[in-house]
Structure formats: structure tokens, C-alpha cells
PDB file of all heavy atoms in Angstrom:
ATOM      1  N   ASN A   1      83.939  92.291 102.257  1.00  0.00           N
ATOM      2  CA  ASN A   1      84.596  93.599 102.222  1.00  0.00           C
ATOM      3  C   ASN A   1      85.835  93.634 103.074  1.00  0.00           C
ATOM      4  O   ASN A   1      86.816  94.289 102.754  1.00  0.00           O
ATOM      5  CB  ASN A   1      83.614  94.674 102.673  1.00  0.00           C
ATOM      6  CG  ASN A   1      82.503  94.893 101.644  1.00  0.00           C
ATOM      7  OD1 ASN A   1      82.715  94.760 100.429  1.00  0.00           O
ATOM      8  ND2 ASN A   1      81.280  95.183 102.134  1.00  0.00           N
ATOM      9  N   ILE A   2      85.811  92.945 104.226  1.00  0.00           N
ATOM     10  CA  ILE A   2      86.998  92.911 105.074  1.00  0.00           C
ATOM     11  C   ILE A   2      88.109  92.155 104.416  1.00  0.00           C
ATOM     12  O   ILE A   2      89.292  92.581 104.460  1.00  0.00           O
ATOM     13  CB  ILE A   2      86.613  92.288 106.450  1.00  0.00           C
ATOM     14  CG1 ILE A   2      85.665  93.161 107.208  1.00  0.00           C
ATOM     15  CG2 ILE A   2      87.927  92.048 107.249  1.00  0.00           C
ATOM     16  CD1 ILE A   2      85.200  92.605 108.540  1.00  0.00           C
ATOM     17  N   LEU A   3      87.810  91.032 103.720  1.00  0.00           N
ATOM     18  CA  LEU A   3      88.818  90.335 103.020  1.00  0.00           C
ATOM     19  C   LEU A   3      89.463  91.219 101.939  1.00  0.00           C
ATOM     20  O   LEU A   3      90.676  91.235 101.814  1.00  0.00           O
ATOM     21  CB  LEU A   3      88.228  89.089 102.394  1.00  0.00           C
ATOM     22  CG  LEU A   3      89.212  88.262 101.582  1.00  0.00           C
ATOM     23  CD1 LEU A   3      88.883  86.720 101.738  1.00  0.00           C
ATOM     24  CD2 LEU A   3      89.233  88.529 100.067  1.00  0.00           C
ATOM     25  N   LEU A   4      88.679  91.962 101.204  1.00  0.00           N
ATOM     26  CA  LEU A   4      89.234  92.793 100.155  1.00  0.00           C
ATOM     27  C   LEU A   4      90.087  93.894 100.710  1.00  0.00           C
ATOM     28  O   LEU A   4      91.141  94.266 100.130  1.00  0.00           O
ATOM     29  CB  LEU A   4      88.058  93.405  99.284  1.00  0.00           C
ATOM     30  CG  LEU A   4      87.303  92.381  98.489  1.00  0.00           C
ATOM     31  CD1 LEU A   4      86.048  93.051  97.829  1.00  0.00           C
ATOM     32  CD2 LEU A   4      88.160  91.699  97.452  1.00  0.00           C
ATOM     33  N   VAL A   5      89.666  94.494 101.858  1.00  0.00           N
ATOM     34  CA  VAL A   5      90.499  95.497 102.519  1.00  0.00           C
ATOM     35  C   VAL A   5      91.833  94.931 102.969  1.00  0.00           C
ATOM     36  O   VAL A   5      92.877  95.563 102.817  1.00  0.00           O
ATOM     37  CB  VAL A   5      89.726  96.152 103.669  1.00  0.00           C
ATOM     38  CG1 VAL A   5      90.659  97.039 104.523  1.00  0.00           C
ATOM     39  CG2 VAL A   5      88.554  97.014 103.136  1.00  0.00           C
ATOM     40  N   ARG A   6      91.786  93.764 103.602  1.00  0.00           N
ATOM     41  CA  ARG A   6      92.998  93.147 104.081  1.00  0.00           C
ATOM     42  C   ARG A   6      93.936  92.832 102.886  1.00  0.00           C
ATOM     43  O   ARG A   6      95.160  92.997 102.997  1.00  0.00           O
ATOM     44  CB  ARG A   6      92.705  91.816 104.821  1.00  0.00           C
ATOM     45  CG  ARG A   6      91.887  92.031 106.084  1.00  0.00           C
ATOM     46  CD  ARG A   6      92.754  92.390 107.285  1.00  0.00           C
ATOM     47  NE  ARG A   6      91.991  92.470 108.528  1.00  0.00           N
ATOM     48  CZ  ARG A   6      91.644  91.451 109.255  1.00  0.00           C
ATOM     49  NH1 ARG A   6      92.042  90.233 108.924  1.00  0.00           N
ATOM     50  NH2 ARG A   6      90.970  91.638 110.341  1.00  0.00           N
ATOM     51  N   LEU A   7      93.339  92.351 101.791  1.00  0.00           N
ATOM     52  CA  LEU A   7      94.159  92.049 100.595  1.00  0.00           C
ATOM     53  C   LEU A   7      94.827  93.301 100.065  1.00  0.00           C
ATOM     54  O   LEU A   7      96.015  93.313  99.704  1.00  0.00           O
ATOM     55  CB  LEU A   7      93.285  91.376  99.552  1.00  0.00           C
ATOM     56  CG  LEU A   7      93.949  91.051  98.201  1.00  0.00           C
ATOM     57  CD1 LEU A   7      95.111  90.090  98.390  1.00  0.00           C
ATOM     58  CD2 LEU A   7      92.935  90.504  97.235  1.00  0.00           C
ATOM     59  N   LYS A   8      94.078  94.361  99.925  1.00  0.00           N
ATOM     60  CA  LYS A   8      94.611  95.596  99.456  1.00  0.00           C
ATOM     61  C   LYS A   8      95.772  96.106 100.361  1.00  0.00           C
ATOM     62  O   LYS A   8      96.761  96.672  99.879  1.00  0.00           O
ATOM     63  CB  LYS A   8      93.560  96.670  99.333  1.00  0.00           C
ATOM     64  CG  LYS A   8      92.566  96.395  98.229  1.00  0.00           C
ATOM     65  CD  LYS A   8      91.482  97.454  98.189  1.00  0.00           C
ATOM     66  CE  LYS A   8      90.457  97.184  97.084  1.00  0.00           C
ATOM     67  NZ  LYS A   8      89.335  98.120  97.068  1.00  0.00           N
ATOM     68  N   SER A   9      95.621  95.925 101.685  1.00  0.00           N
ATOM     69  CA  SER A   9      96.666  96.331 102.630  1.00  0.00           C
ATOM     70  C   SER A   9      97.947  95.560 102.393  1.00  0.00           C
ATOM     71  O   SER A   9      99.021  96.143 102.330  1.00  0.00           O
ATOM     72  CB  SER A   9      96.165  96.125 104.049  1.00  0.00           C
ATOM     73  OG  SER A   9      97.189  96.424 104.975  1.00  0.00           O
ATOM     74  N   LEU A  10      97.837  94.237 102.145  1.00  0.00           N
ATOM     75  CA  LEU A  10      99.034  93.401 101.889  1.00  0.00           C
ATOM     76  C   LEU A  10      99.658  93.851 100.561  1.00  0.00           C
ATOM     77  O   LEU A  10     100.901  93.931 100.461  1.00  0.00           O
ATOM     78  CB  LEU A  10      98.621  91.961 101.812  1.00  0.00           C
ATOM     79  CG  LEU A  10      98.243  91.301 103.152  1.00  0.00           C
ATOM     80  CD1 LEU A  10      97.832  89.832 102.875  1.00  0.00           C
ATOM     81  CD2 LEU A  10      99.340  91.384 104.190  1.00  0.00           C
ATOM     82  N   LEU A  11      98.871  94.161  99.556  1.00  0.00           N
ATOM     83  CA  LEU A  11      99.459  94.561  98.256  1.00  0.00           C
ATOM     84  C   LEU A  11     100.129  95.905  98.368  1.00  0.00           C
ATOM     85  O   LEU A  11     101.141  96.156  97.707  1.00  0.00           O
ATOM     86  CB  LEU A  11      98.308  94.575  97.195  1.00  0.00           C
ATOM     87  CG  LEU A  11      97.730  93.201  96.819  1.00  0.00           C
ATOM     88  CD1 LEU A  11      96.557  93.364  95.867  1.00  0.00           C
ATOM     89  CD2 LEU A  11      98.791  92.278  96.268  1.00  0.00           C
ATOM     90  N   ARG A  12      99.558  96.791  99.158  1.00  0.00           N
ATOM     91  CA  ARG A  12     100.108  98.107  99.380  1.00  0.00           C
ATOM     92  C   ARG A  12     101.486  97.985 100.042  1.00  0.00           C
ATOM     93  O   ARG A  12     102.478  98.633  99.683  1.00  0.00           O
ATOM     94  CB  ARG A  12      99.189  98.988 100.188  1.00  0.00           C
ATOM     95  CG  ARG A  12      99.664 100.401 100.331  1.00  0.00           C
ATOM     96  CD  ARG A  12      98.565 101.276 100.808  1.00  0.00           C
ATOM     97  NE  ARG A  12      98.017 100.833 102.105  1.00  0.00           N
ATOM     98  CZ  ARG A  12      96.787 100.386 102.253  1.00  0.00           C
ATOM     99  NH1 ARG A  12      95.951 100.262 101.189  1.00  0.00           N
ATOM    100  NH2 ARG A  12      96.321 100.005 103.407  1.00  0.00           N
ATOM    101  N   ARG A  13     101.586  97.095 101.032  1.00  0.00           N
ATOM    102  CA  ARG A  13     102.858  96.832 101.715  1.00  0.00           C
ATOM    103  C   ARG A  13     103.927  96.354 100.693  1.00  0.00           C
ATOM    104  O   ARG A  13     105.059  96.807 100.678  1.00  0.00           O
ATOM    105  CB  ARG A  13     102.691  95.760 102.823  1.00  0.00           C
ATOM    106  CG  ARG A  13     101.980  96.256 104.018  1.00  0.00           C
ATOM    107  CD  ARG A  13     103.016  96.814 104.986  1.00  0.00           C
ATOM    108  NE  ARG A  13     102.391  97.116 106.251  1.00  0.00           N
ATOM    109  CZ  ARG A  13     103.084  97.351 107.357  1.00  0.00           C
ATOM    110  NH1 ARG A  13     104.382  97.289 107.342  1.00  0.00           N
ATOM    111  NH2 ARG A  13     102.444  97.631 108.497  1.00  0.00           N
ATOM    112  N   THR A  14     103.487  95.443  99.823  1.00  0.00           N
ATOM    113  CA  THR A  14     104.441  94.944  98.824  1.00  0.00           C
ATOM    114  C   THR A  14     104.907  96.042  97.907  1.00  0.00           C
ATOM    115  O   THR A  14     106.085  96.120  97.562  1.00  0.00           O
ATOM    116  CB  THR A  14     103.770  93.800  98.013  1.00  0.00           C
ATOM    117  OG1 THR A  14     103.336  92.758  98.902  1.00  0.00           O
ATOM    118  CG2 THR A  14     104.712  93.245  96.969  1.00  0.00           C
ATOM    119  N   ALA A  15     103.986  96.930  97.511  1.00  0.00           N
ATOM    120  CA  ALA A  15     104.369  97.998  96.619  1.00  0.00           C
ATOM    121  C   ALA A  15     105.365  98.915  97.292  1.00  0.00           C
ATOM    122  O   ALA A  15     106.337  99.391  96.677  1.00  0.00           O
ATOM    123  CB  ALA A  15     103.142  98.801  96.191  1.00  0.00           C
ATOM    124  N   TRP A  16     105.211  99.160  98.621  1.00  0.00           N
ATOM    125  CA  TRP A  16     106.158  99.984  99.321  1.00  0.00           C
ATOM    126  C   TRP A  16     107.518  99.397  99.374  1.00  0.00           C
ATOM    127  O   TRP A  16     108.546 100.044  99.201  1.00  0.00           O
ATOM    128  CB  TRP A  16     105.651 100.260 100.752  1.00  0.00           C
ATOM    129  CG  TRP A  16     104.426 101.105 100.827  1.00  0.00           C
ATOM    130  CD1 TRP A  16     103.870 101.831  99.836  1.00  0.00           C
ATOM    131  CD2 TRP A  16     103.641 101.359 102.010  1.00  0.00           C
ATOM    132  NE1 TRP A  16     102.796 102.504 100.308  1.00  0.00           N
ATOM    133  CE2 TRP A  16     102.607 102.253 101.661  1.00  0.00           C
ATOM    134  CE3 TRP A  16     103.710 100.904 103.345  1.00  0.00           C
ATOM    135  CZ2 TRP A  16     101.632 102.683 102.529  1.00  0.00           C
ATOM    136  CZ3 TRP A  16     102.778 101.338 104.208  1.00  0.00           C
ATOM    137  CH2 TRP A  16     101.734 102.239 103.853  1.00  0.00           C
ATOM    138  N   GLN A  17     107.543  98.041  99.653  1.00  0.00           N
ATOM    139  CA  GLN A  17     108.826  97.368  99.665  1.00  0.00           C
ATOM    140  C   GLN A  17     109.505  97.410  98.320  1.00  0.00           C
ATOM    141  O   GLN A  17     110.721  97.622  98.279  1.00  0.00           O
ATOM    142  CB  GLN A  17     108.625  95.907 100.105  1.00  0.00           C
ATOM    143  CG  GLN A  17     108.132  95.780 101.527  1.00  0.00           C
ATOM    144  CD  GLN A  17     107.839  94.293 101.834  1.00  0.00           C
ATOM    145  OE1 GLN A  17     108.731  93.491 101.864  1.00  0.00           O
ATOM    146  NE2 GLN A  17     106.577  93.984 102.070  1.00  0.00           N
ATOM    147  N   ASN A  18     108.780  97.221  97.248  1.00  0.00           N
ATOM    148  CA  ASN A  18     109.380  97.229  95.933  1.00  0.00           C
ATOM    149  C   ASN A  18     109.932  98.615  95.545  1.00  0.00           C
ATOM    150  O   ASN A  18     110.859  98.736  94.784  1.00  0.00           O
ATOM    151  CB  ASN A  18     108.370  96.769  94.862  1.00  0.00           C
ATOM    152  CG  ASN A  18     108.045  95.282  95.018  1.00  0.00           C
ATOM    153  OD1 ASN A  18     108.787  94.562  95.606  1.00  0.00           O
ATOM    154  ND2 ASN A  18     106.928  94.930  94.453  1.00  0.00           N
ATOM    155  N   ALA A  19     109.315  99.639  96.119  1.00  0.00           N
ATOM    156  CA  ALA A  19     109.725 101.003  95.819  1.00  0.00           C
ATOM    157  C   ALA A  19     110.875 101.454  96.764  1.00  0.00           C
ATOM    158  O   ALA A  19     111.394 102.540  96.573  1.00  0.00           O
ATOM    159  CB  ALA A  19     108.531 101.961  95.966  1.00  0.00           C
ATOM    160  N   ALA A  20     111.193 100.656  97.729  1.00  0.00           N
ATOM    161  CA  ALA A  20     112.144 101.075  98.790  1.00  0.00           C
ATOM    162  C   ALA A  20     113.563 100.931  98.276  1.00  0.00           C
ATOM    163  O   ALA A  20     114.105  99.841  98.271  1.00  0.00           O
ATOM    164  CB  ALA A  20     111.966 100.273 100.075  1.00  0.00           C
ATOM    165  N   THR A  21     114.204 101.973  97.835  1.00  0.00           N
ATOM    166  CA  THR A  21     115.575 102.033  97.436  1.00  0.00           C
ATOM    167  C   THR A  21     116.219 103.201  98.164  1.00  0.00           C
ATOM    168  O   THR A  21     115.527 104.106  98.667  1.00  0.00           O
ATOM    169  CB  THR A  21     115.727 102.234  95.930  1.00  0.00           C
ATOM    170  OG1 THR A  21     115.246 103.537  95.597  1.00  0.00           O
ATOM    171  CG2 THR A  21     114.944 101.194  95.161  1.00  0.00           C
ATOM    172  N   PRO A  22     117.572 103.266  98.308  1.00  0.00           N
ATOM    173  CA  PRO A  22     118.182 104.364  98.963  1.00  0.00           C
ATOM    174  C   PRO A  22     117.828 105.691  98.334  1.00  0.00           C
ATOM    175  O   PRO A  22     117.780 106.691  99.063  1.00  0.00           O
ATOM    176  CB  PRO A  22     119.691 104.054  98.759  1.00  0.00           C
ATOM    177  CG  PRO A  22     119.774 102.589  98.647  1.00  0.00           C
ATOM    178  CD  PRO A  22     118.535 102.219  97.854  1.00  0.00           C
ATOM    179  N   GLU A  23     117.516 105.746  97.051  1.00  0.00           N
ATOM    180  CA  GLU A  23     117.209 106.994  96.414  1.00  0.00           C
ATOM    181  C   GLU A  23     115.757 107.344  96.615  1.00  0.00           C
ATOM    182  O   GLU A  23     115.369 108.543  96.595  1.00  0.00           O
ATOM    183  CB  GLU A  23     117.501 106.925  94.936  1.00  0.00           C
ATOM    184  CG  GLU A  23     119.016 106.774  94.602  1.00  0.00           C
ATOM    185  CD  GLU A  23     119.493 105.348  94.819  1.00  0.00           C
ATOM    186  OE1 GLU A  23     118.667 104.418  94.876  1.00  0.00           O
ATOM    187  OE2 GLU A  23     120.720 105.201  95.003  1.00  0.00           O
ATOM    188  N   THR A  24     114.908 106.360  96.695  1.00  0.00           N
ATOM    189  CA  THR A  24     113.441 106.576  96.839  1.00  0.00           C
ATOM    190  C   THR A  24     112.896 105.816  98.020  1.00  0.00           C
ATOM    191  O   THR A  24     112.445 104.712  97.891  1.00  0.00           O
ATOM    192  CB  THR A  24     112.719 106.140  95.562  1.00  0.00           C
ATOM    193  OG1 THR A  24     112.969 104.753  95.349  1.00  0.00           O
ATOM    194  CG2 THR A  24     113.162 106.926  94.354  1.00  0.00           C
ATOM    195  N   PRO A  25     113.004 106.424  99.233  1.00  0.00           N
ATOM    196  CA  PRO A  25     112.481 105.698 100.401  1.00  0.00           C
ATOM    197  C   PRO A  25     110.989 105.497 100.307  1.00  0.00           C
ATOM    198  O   PRO A  25     110.277 106.202  99.625  1.00  0.00           O
ATOM    199  CB  PRO A  25     112.825 106.731 101.548  1.00  0.00           C
ATOM    200  CG  PRO A  25     112.909 108.077 100.888  1.00  0.00           C
ATOM    201  CD  PRO A  25     113.445 107.780  99.506  1.00  0.00           C
TER     202      PRO A  25
END
């Protein structure tokens, strides 16, 4: 369960980075 939580956290970070544009922080 800890592995799955850590994995989801990393994927969430990636999603935030991909969404990070000047128009959509």
C-alpha cells in the first residue's frame, strides 16, 4: 500500500508539471 501511495504521488507530480503553463498554473 505504501508503494502504491508513493507511486500515485509521483504520477500526480508529473501531471502538475505537464499542466504547468503560463495560462494554467
